[in-house]
Amino acid sequence: MASLNFSVYKDTDKNLVTKHYFSDLHLDVVNDVIVKADGTKNRDIQLDFDSLAIQNSLANIMLTHPGEKFLSPLFGCNLYKYLFEQVSEAIGQQIGSTIKKAIEDFEPRVTLSNIVVYAVMDTNEYVIEMQVGIPLLSKNFSLVKKLKALDSHQL
């Protein structure tokens, strides 16, 4: 029977300058020159670490429609169903509940202490403010996102 040896991938002090708990691809994918810890340069895509990686994850949850992710069809937050609704405080509360449930379901690394969705009728958008905690990193941060609604005049 074959065996797998992953000892090559173990973290060692001489191979790691800074230890990160979480990493994710930078959302705006760019082919960039990366300077490695040993001083060599390499062209690679940019990575985000720790709290930035979690912010990417939260954005992915909110922007992914359930069914889009092939191997995880329940993943995402169905914000598309509010796309053509009239902007109102009541819909804002529904959006907040939808986001809160999706984060609780798909992002176990965070605690969502507060989420408030403001309906801005003049600009036909919602402003989403979240207070997020990352227990493993002992960090808290605020995240503000805008969700633009569409109406029949924009079609």
N, C-alpha and C. Protein backbone atom coordinates (compact mmCIF):
# COMPACT_ATOMS: atom_id res chain seq x y z
N MET A 1 0.84 -1.17 0.00
CA MET A 1 0.00 0.00 0.00
C MET A 1 0.89 1.23 0.00
N ALA A 2 0.50 2.25 -0.73
CA ALA A 2 1.26 3.51 -0.81
C ALA A 2 1.08 4.32 0.45
N SER A 3 2.06 5.15 0.73
CA SER A 3 1.95 6.04 1.89
C SER A 3 2.26 7.47 1.45
N LEU A 4 1.75 8.41 2.20
CA LEU A 4 1.98 9.82 1.91
C LEU A 4 2.83 10.41 3.02
N ASN A 5 3.78 11.23 2.66
CA ASN A 5 4.63 11.88 3.64
C ASN A 5 4.47 13.39 3.50
N PHE A 6 3.89 14.02 4.51
CA PHE A 6 3.67 15.46 4.48
C PHE A 6 4.68 16.21 5.35
N SER A 7 5.75 15.57 5.76
CA SER A 7 6.73 16.24 6.63
C SER A 7 7.38 17.42 5.93
N VAL A 8 7.39 17.41 4.61
CA VAL A 8 7.97 18.52 3.85
C VAL A 8 7.19 19.80 4.12
N TYR A 9 5.90 19.68 4.42
CA TYR A 9 5.04 20.84 4.57
C TYR A 9 4.89 21.32 6.01
N LYS A 10 5.63 20.73 6.92
CA LYS A 10 5.54 21.16 8.32
C LYS A 10 6.14 22.54 8.48
N ASP A 11 5.58 23.33 9.40
CA ASP A 11 6.13 24.64 9.71
C ASP A 11 7.43 24.47 10.47
N THR A 12 8.47 25.11 10.00
CA THR A 12 9.72 25.11 10.73
C THR A 12 10.15 26.56 10.89
N ASP A 13 10.81 26.87 11.99
CA ASP A 13 11.22 28.24 12.27
C ASP A 13 12.13 28.80 11.19
N LYS A 14 12.99 27.99 10.61
CA LYS A 14 13.89 28.53 9.60
C LYS A 14 13.18 28.77 8.27
N ASN A 15 12.01 28.15 8.04
CA ASN A 15 11.28 28.37 6.80
C ASN A 15 10.21 29.45 6.93
N LEU A 16 9.81 29.77 8.14
CA LEU A 16 8.76 30.76 8.33
C LEU A 16 9.28 31.94 9.13
N VAL A 17 9.13 33.14 8.59
CA VAL A 17 9.51 34.33 9.31
C VAL A 17 8.36 34.73 10.23
N THR A 18 7.15 34.73 9.69
CA THR A 18 5.97 35.09 10.46
C THR A 18 4.95 33.98 10.31
N LYS A 19 4.39 33.54 11.41
CA LYS A 19 3.37 32.50 11.35
C LYS A 19 2.00 33.15 11.24
N HIS A 20 1.24 32.69 10.28
CA HIS A 20 -0.11 33.18 10.08
C HIS A 20 -1.07 32.04 10.35
N TYR A 21 -2.19 32.36 10.94
CA TYR A 21 -3.20 31.34 11.20
C TYR A 21 -4.08 31.10 9.98
N PHE A 22 -4.38 32.16 9.24
CA PHE A 22 -5.29 32.04 8.10
C PHE A 22 -4.67 32.71 6.88
N SER A 23 -4.93 32.16 5.70
CA SER A 23 -4.50 32.81 4.46
C SER A 23 -5.57 32.59 3.40
N ASP A 24 -5.62 33.52 2.47
CA ASP A 24 -6.59 33.47 1.40
C ASP A 24 -6.03 34.28 0.24
N LEU A 25 -6.49 33.98 -0.97
CA LEU A 25 -6.09 34.78 -2.12
C LEU A 25 -6.66 36.18 -1.98
N HIS A 26 -5.87 37.17 -2.35
CA HIS A 26 -6.33 38.54 -2.35
C HIS A 26 -7.49 38.65 -3.34
N LEU A 27 -8.56 39.34 -2.96
CA LEU A 27 -9.76 39.38 -3.79
C LEU A 27 -9.51 40.02 -5.16
N ASP A 28 -8.70 41.06 -5.21
CA ASP A 28 -8.35 41.65 -6.50
C ASP A 28 -7.09 40.94 -6.97
N VAL A 29 -7.26 39.85 -7.69
CA VAL A 29 -6.13 39.01 -8.08
C VAL A 29 -5.22 39.79 -9.02
N VAL A 30 -3.95 39.88 -8.63
CA VAL A 30 -2.95 40.58 -9.42
C VAL A 30 -1.72 39.70 -9.52
N ASN A 31 -1.11 39.67 -10.67
CA ASN A 31 0.15 38.97 -10.82
C ASN A 31 1.23 39.95 -10.37
N ASP A 32 1.82 39.71 -9.22
CA ASP A 32 2.68 40.68 -8.57
C ASP A 32 4.05 40.07 -8.28
N VAL A 33 5.03 40.94 -8.07
CA VAL A 33 6.35 40.47 -7.66
C VAL A 33 6.35 40.37 -6.15
N ILE A 34 6.62 39.18 -5.64
CA ILE A 34 6.63 38.92 -4.21
C ILE A 34 8.08 38.73 -3.77
N VAL A 35 8.47 39.42 -2.71
CA VAL A 35 9.80 39.23 -2.14
C VAL A 35 9.65 38.24 -0.99
N LYS A 36 10.30 37.08 -1.14
CA LYS A 36 10.21 36.03 -0.12
C LYS A 36 11.08 36.38 1.08
N ALA A 37 10.93 35.60 2.14
CA ALA A 37 11.68 35.81 3.38
C ALA A 37 13.18 35.72 3.15
N ASP A 38 13.61 34.88 2.20
CA ASP A 38 15.05 34.73 1.96
C ASP A 38 15.59 35.79 1.01
N GLY A 39 14.74 36.76 0.60
CA GLY A 39 15.18 37.85 -0.25
C GLY A 39 15.01 37.62 -1.74
N THR A 40 14.66 36.40 -2.15
CA THR A 40 14.45 36.13 -3.56
C THR A 40 13.12 36.70 -4.02
N LYS A 41 13.06 37.04 -5.28
CA LYS A 41 11.84 37.60 -5.84
C LYS A 41 11.16 36.56 -6.71
N ASN A 42 9.85 36.57 -6.69
CA ASN A 42 9.08 35.60 -7.43
C ASN A 42 7.79 36.28 -7.90
N ARG A 43 7.36 35.96 -9.09
CA ARG A 43 6.06 36.48 -9.55
C ARG A 43 4.99 35.51 -9.06
N ASP A 44 4.02 36.06 -8.38
CA ASP A 44 2.99 35.21 -7.80
C ASP A 44 1.75 36.06 -7.55
N ILE A 45 0.66 35.39 -7.27
CA ILE A 45 -0.54 36.13 -6.89
C ILE A 45 -0.42 36.53 -5.43
N GLN A 46 -1.08 37.60 -5.07
CA GLN A 46 -0.97 38.14 -3.73
C GLN A 46 -1.87 37.37 -2.76
N LEU A 47 -1.38 37.20 -1.55
CA LEU A 47 -2.15 36.54 -0.49
C LEU A 47 -2.49 37.55 0.60
N ASP A 48 -3.61 37.31 1.25
CA ASP A 48 -3.96 38.06 2.44
C ASP A 48 -3.91 37.09 3.61
N PHE A 49 -3.52 37.60 4.77
CA PHE A 49 -3.37 36.75 5.93
C PHE A 49 -4.26 37.22 7.08
N ASP A 50 -4.59 36.27 7.94
CA ASP A 50 -5.30 36.49 9.20
C ASP A 50 -6.57 37.33 9.02
N SER A 51 -6.66 38.53 9.59
CA SER A 51 -7.93 39.27 9.55
C SER A 51 -8.32 39.67 8.13
N LEU A 52 -7.34 39.96 7.27
CA LEU A 52 -7.68 40.27 5.87
C LEU A 52 -8.23 39.04 5.15
N ALA A 53 -7.69 37.88 5.46
CA ALA A 53 -8.21 36.64 4.87
C ALA A 53 -9.65 36.40 5.31
N ILE A 54 -9.95 36.69 6.56
CA ILE A 54 -11.32 36.51 7.06
C ILE A 54 -12.25 37.53 6.42
N GLN A 55 -11.77 38.76 6.22
CA GLN A 55 -12.60 39.75 5.53
C GLN A 55 -12.92 39.29 4.11
N ASN A 56 -11.95 38.67 3.43
CA ASN A 56 -12.21 38.09 2.11
C ASN A 56 -13.29 37.02 2.18
N SER A 57 -13.20 36.19 3.20
CA SER A 57 -14.18 35.12 3.37
C SER A 57 -15.59 35.69 3.58
N LEU A 58 -15.68 36.72 4.41
CA LEU A 58 -16.99 37.34 4.66
C LEU A 58 -17.54 37.95 3.38
N ALA A 59 -16.69 38.61 2.60
CA ALA A 59 -17.14 39.17 1.32
C ALA A 59 -17.60 38.06 0.38
N ASN A 60 -16.85 36.95 0.34
CA ASN A 60 -17.24 35.82 -0.51
C ASN A 60 -18.59 35.24 -0.10
N ILE A 61 -18.82 35.15 1.20
CA ILE A 61 -20.11 34.63 1.68
C ILE A 61 -21.24 35.53 1.20
N MET A 62 -21.06 36.84 1.33
CA MET A 62 -22.12 37.77 0.96
C MET A 62 -22.33 37.86 -0.55
N LEU A 63 -21.28 37.65 -1.34
CA LEU A 63 -21.39 37.80 -2.79
C LEU A 63 -21.72 36.50 -3.52
N THR A 64 -21.67 35.39 -2.83
CA THR A 64 -21.94 34.10 -3.47
C THR A 64 -23.41 33.73 -3.31
N HIS A 65 -24.02 33.38 -4.41
CA HIS A 65 -25.41 32.94 -4.41
C HIS A 65 -25.44 31.43 -4.17
N PRO A 66 -26.28 30.94 -3.24
CA PRO A 66 -26.35 29.49 -3.03
C PRO A 66 -26.57 28.77 -4.37
N GLY A 67 -25.78 27.74 -4.58
CA GLY A 67 -25.84 26.98 -5.83
C GLY A 67 -24.69 27.33 -6.76
N GLU A 68 -24.01 28.44 -6.53
CA GLU A 68 -22.88 28.84 -7.39
C GLU A 68 -21.65 27.99 -7.14
N LYS A 69 -21.43 27.60 -5.91
CA LYS A 69 -20.25 26.82 -5.56
C LYS A 69 -20.58 25.35 -5.76
N PHE A 70 -19.98 24.78 -6.76
CA PHE A 70 -20.36 23.45 -7.25
C PHE A 70 -20.36 22.37 -6.16
N LEU A 71 -19.29 22.27 -5.39
CA LEU A 71 -19.19 21.19 -4.40
C LEU A 71 -19.81 21.55 -3.05
N SER A 72 -20.28 22.77 -2.92
CA SER A 72 -20.93 23.21 -1.69
C SER A 72 -22.15 24.06 -2.07
N PRO A 73 -23.20 23.43 -2.55
CA PRO A 73 -24.33 24.17 -3.12
C PRO A 73 -25.11 25.03 -2.13
N LEU A 74 -24.98 24.80 -0.84
CA LEU A 74 -25.69 25.62 0.14
C LEU A 74 -24.90 26.86 0.55
N PHE A 75 -23.61 26.91 0.18
CA PHE A 75 -22.74 28.01 0.57
C PHE A 75 -23.23 29.32 -0.04
N GLY A 76 -23.20 30.37 0.74
CA GLY A 76 -23.51 31.70 0.24
C GLY A 76 -24.63 32.36 0.99
N CYS A 77 -24.96 33.52 0.50
CA CYS A 77 -25.95 34.38 1.14
C CYS A 77 -26.87 34.88 0.03
N ASN A 78 -28.10 34.55 0.07
CA ASN A 78 -29.00 34.85 -1.03
C ASN A 78 -29.45 36.31 -1.00
N LEU A 79 -28.50 37.23 -1.24
CA LEU A 79 -28.84 38.65 -1.27
C LEU A 79 -29.48 39.06 -2.60
N TYR A 80 -29.36 38.20 -3.59
CA TYR A 80 -29.94 38.52 -4.90
C TYR A 80 -31.46 38.65 -4.85
N LYS A 81 -32.08 38.00 -3.89
CA LYS A 81 -33.54 38.06 -3.81
C LYS A 81 -34.03 39.45 -3.42
N TYR A 82 -33.12 40.31 -2.91
CA TYR A 82 -33.49 41.67 -2.53
C TYR A 82 -33.13 42.68 -3.61
N LEU A 83 -32.60 42.22 -4.73
CA LEU A 83 -32.06 43.10 -5.75
C LEU A 83 -33.09 44.08 -6.31
N PHE A 84 -34.31 43.62 -6.55
CA PHE A 84 -35.33 44.47 -7.17
C PHE A 84 -36.40 44.92 -6.18
N GLU A 85 -36.17 44.68 -4.90
CA GLU A 85 -37.13 45.12 -3.88
C GLU A 85 -36.98 46.61 -3.61
N GLN A 86 -38.07 47.22 -3.17
CA GLN A 86 -38.04 48.62 -2.77
C GLN A 86 -37.12 48.77 -1.55
N VAL A 87 -36.25 49.76 -1.54
CA VAL A 87 -35.35 49.98 -0.42
C VAL A 87 -36.16 50.46 0.78
N SER A 88 -36.05 49.72 1.89
CA SER A 88 -36.80 50.07 3.09
C SER A 88 -36.07 49.52 4.32
N GLU A 89 -36.45 50.04 5.47
CA GLU A 89 -35.87 49.56 6.73
C GLU A 89 -36.22 48.09 6.98
N ALA A 90 -37.44 47.70 6.62
CA ALA A 90 -37.87 46.30 6.82
C ALA A 90 -37.03 45.34 5.99
N ILE A 91 -36.78 45.69 4.73
CA ILE A 91 -35.93 44.85 3.88
C ILE A 91 -34.51 44.86 4.42
N GLY A 92 -34.06 46.00 4.95
CA GLY A 92 -32.73 46.09 5.55
C GLY A 92 -32.58 45.13 6.71
N GLN A 93 -33.62 45.00 7.53
CA GLN A 93 -33.58 44.04 8.64
C GLN A 93 -33.52 42.61 8.12
N GLN A 94 -34.24 42.32 7.05
CA GLN A 94 -34.20 40.98 6.46
C GLN A 94 -32.80 40.68 5.90
N ILE A 95 -32.19 41.68 5.26
CA ILE A 95 -30.83 41.51 4.74
C ILE A 95 -29.87 41.23 5.89
N GLY A 96 -30.01 41.97 6.99
CA GLY A 96 -29.15 41.74 8.16
C GLY A 96 -29.30 40.34 8.71
N SER A 97 -30.54 39.85 8.80
CA SER A 97 -30.79 38.49 9.29
C SER A 97 -30.20 37.45 8.36
N THR A 98 -30.32 37.68 7.05
CA THR A 98 -29.79 36.75 6.05
C THR A 98 -28.27 36.67 6.16
N ILE A 99 -27.62 37.82 6.28
CA ILE A 99 -26.15 37.85 6.39
C ILE A 99 -25.70 37.19 7.69
N LYS A 100 -26.38 37.51 8.78
CA LYS A 100 -26.02 36.94 10.09
C LYS A 100 -26.09 35.41 10.06
N LYS A 101 -27.17 34.87 9.50
CA LYS A 101 -27.31 33.41 9.42
C LYS A 101 -26.22 32.79 8.55
N ALA A 102 -25.93 33.42 7.42
CA ALA A 102 -24.90 32.88 6.51
C ALA A 102 -23.53 32.89 7.17
N ILE A 103 -23.21 33.95 7.90
CA ILE A 103 -21.91 34.01 8.58
C ILE A 103 -21.84 32.96 9.68
N GLU A 104 -22.92 32.80 10.43
CA GLU A 104 -22.94 31.75 11.47
C GLU A 104 -22.80 30.36 10.86
N ASP A 105 -23.40 30.15 9.69
CA ASP A 105 -23.35 28.83 9.05
C ASP A 105 -22.01 28.53 8.39
N PHE A 106 -21.35 29.54 7.81
CA PHE A 106 -20.21 29.26 6.94
C PHE A 106 -18.88 29.86 7.40
N GLU A 107 -18.85 30.62 8.47
CA GLU A 107 -17.58 31.18 8.93
C GLU A 107 -17.41 30.97 10.43
N PRO A 108 -16.97 29.76 10.82
CA PRO A 108 -16.84 29.45 12.24
C PRO A 108 -15.69 30.17 12.94
N ARG A 109 -14.81 30.81 12.19
CA ARG A 109 -13.65 31.47 12.79
C ARG A 109 -14.00 32.82 13.43
N VAL A 110 -15.22 33.31 13.19
CA VAL A 110 -15.58 34.64 13.69
C VAL A 110 -16.79 34.58 14.61
N THR A 111 -16.91 35.63 15.41
CA THR A 111 -18.14 35.88 16.16
C THR A 111 -18.67 37.21 15.68
N LEU A 112 -19.93 37.23 15.34
CA LEU A 112 -20.57 38.45 14.86
C LEU A 112 -21.31 39.06 16.04
N SER A 113 -20.75 40.14 16.59
CA SER A 113 -21.36 40.72 17.78
C SER A 113 -22.50 41.67 17.45
N ASN A 114 -22.47 42.27 16.26
CA ASN A 114 -23.53 43.20 15.89
C ASN A 114 -23.56 43.37 14.38
N ILE A 115 -24.74 43.48 13.83
CA ILE A 115 -24.91 43.82 12.42
C ILE A 115 -26.09 44.78 12.31
N VAL A 116 -25.85 45.88 11.62
CA VAL A 116 -26.89 46.88 11.40
C VAL A 116 -26.90 47.19 9.92
N VAL A 117 -28.09 47.21 9.33
CA VAL A 117 -28.23 47.53 7.92
C VAL A 117 -29.07 48.80 7.82
N TYR A 118 -28.47 49.83 7.23
CA TYR A 118 -29.15 51.11 7.05
C TYR A 118 -29.68 51.19 5.63
N ALA A 119 -30.95 51.54 5.48
CA ALA A 119 -31.55 51.74 4.17
C ALA A 119 -31.35 53.21 3.78
N VAL A 120 -30.66 53.44 2.68
CA VAL A 120 -30.43 54.80 2.19
C VAL A 120 -31.28 54.96 0.94
N MET A 121 -32.47 55.50 1.12
CA MET A 121 -33.42 55.57 0.02
C MET A 121 -32.99 56.52 -1.09
N ASP A 122 -32.28 57.61 -0.73
CA ASP A 122 -31.86 58.60 -1.73
C ASP A 122 -30.93 58.01 -2.77
N THR A 123 -30.05 57.11 -2.35
CA THR A 123 -29.08 56.52 -3.28
C THR A 123 -29.45 55.09 -3.66
N ASN A 124 -30.59 54.62 -3.15
CA ASN A 124 -31.10 53.28 -3.49
C ASN A 124 -30.10 52.19 -3.10
N GLU A 125 -29.58 52.25 -1.86
CA GLU A 125 -28.60 51.28 -1.41
C GLU A 125 -28.76 51.01 0.07
N TYR A 126 -28.08 49.98 0.52
CA TYR A 126 -28.02 49.63 1.93
C TYR A 126 -26.57 49.73 2.37
N VAL A 127 -26.37 50.24 3.58
CA VAL A 127 -25.04 50.26 4.17
C VAL A 127 -25.06 49.25 5.30
N ILE A 128 -24.17 48.27 5.20
CA ILE A 128 -24.12 47.17 6.17
C ILE A 128 -22.91 47.39 7.07
N GLU A 129 -23.15 47.51 8.36
CA GLU A 129 -22.07 47.66 9.33
C GLU A 129 -22.07 46.44 10.24
N MET A 130 -20.90 45.81 10.37
CA MET A 130 -20.77 44.63 11.21
C MET A 130 -19.62 44.81 12.18
N GLN A 131 -19.79 44.34 13.40
CA GLN A 131 -18.70 44.24 14.35
C GLN A 131 -18.37 42.75 14.46
N VAL A 132 -17.15 42.43 14.08
CA VAL A 132 -16.72 41.05 13.97
C VAL A 132 -15.56 40.80 14.91
N GLY A 133 -15.59 39.67 15.58
CA GLY A 133 -14.48 39.26 16.44
C GLY A 133 -13.84 37.99 15.90
N ILE A 134 -12.52 37.91 16.04
CA ILE A 134 -11.78 36.71 15.66
C ILE A 134 -11.13 36.17 16.93
N PRO A 135 -11.78 35.24 17.61
CA PRO A 135 -11.27 34.78 18.91
C PRO A 135 -9.84 34.24 18.87
N LEU A 136 -9.47 33.48 17.85
CA LEU A 136 -8.14 32.90 17.78
C LEU A 136 -7.05 33.97 17.72
N LEU A 137 -7.36 35.09 17.08
CA LEU A 137 -6.39 36.18 16.94
C LEU A 137 -6.56 37.25 18.01
N SER A 138 -7.59 37.13 18.84
CA SER A 138 -7.93 38.14 19.84
C SER A 138 -8.07 39.52 19.19
N LYS A 139 -8.78 39.56 18.06
CA LYS A 139 -8.97 40.81 17.33
C LYS A 139 -10.45 41.05 17.11
N ASN A 140 -10.80 42.32 17.09
CA ASN A 140 -12.14 42.76 16.72
C ASN A 140 -11.99 43.83 15.65
N PHE A 141 -12.91 43.86 14.72
CA PHE A 141 -12.88 44.91 13.71
C PHE A 141 -14.29 45.20 13.23
N SER A 142 -14.42 46.39 12.64
CA SER A 142 -15.69 46.78 12.04
C SER A 142 -15.56 46.64 10.54
N LEU A 143 -16.60 46.19 9.92
CA LEU A 143 -16.62 46.00 8.48
C LEU A 143 -17.84 46.73 7.94
N VAL A 144 -17.63 47.57 6.94
CA VAL A 144 -18.73 48.33 6.33
C VAL A 144 -18.77 47.96 4.86
N LYS A 145 -19.93 47.53 4.40
CA LYS A 145 -20.12 47.18 2.99
C LYS A 145 -21.36 47.90 2.48
N LYS A 146 -21.36 48.22 1.20
CA LYS A 146 -22.54 48.83 0.57
C LYS A 146 -23.16 47.82 -0.38
N LEU A 147 -24.47 47.78 -0.35
CA LEU A 147 -25.22 46.89 -1.23
C LEU A 147 -26.15 47.76 -2.04
N LYS A 148 -25.92 47.84 -3.33
CA LYS A 148 -26.71 48.69 -4.21
C LYS A 148 -27.90 47.92 -4.73
N ALA A 149 -29.09 48.49 -4.54
CA ALA A 149 -30.31 47.88 -5.05
C ALA A 149 -30.56 48.40 -6.46
N LEU A 150 -31.32 47.67 -7.23
CA LEU A 150 -31.67 48.09 -8.59
C LEU A 150 -33.17 48.40 -8.63
N ASP A 151 -33.51 49.31 -9.49
CA ASP A 151 -34.94 49.50 -9.75
C ASP A 151 -35.15 49.48 -11.26
N SER A 152 -36.40 49.54 -11.68
CA SER A 152 -36.72 49.39 -13.10
C SER A 152 -36.17 50.56 -13.93
N HIS A 153 -35.86 51.71 -13.32
CA HIS A 153 -35.30 52.85 -14.05
C HIS A 153 -33.84 52.61 -14.41
N GLN A 154 -33.17 51.68 -13.74
CA GLN A 154 -31.75 51.42 -14.02
C GLN A 154 -31.57 50.34 -15.09
N LEU A 155 -32.63 49.69 -15.50
CA LEU A 155 -32.51 48.60 -16.48
C LEU A 155 -32.34 49.13 -17.89
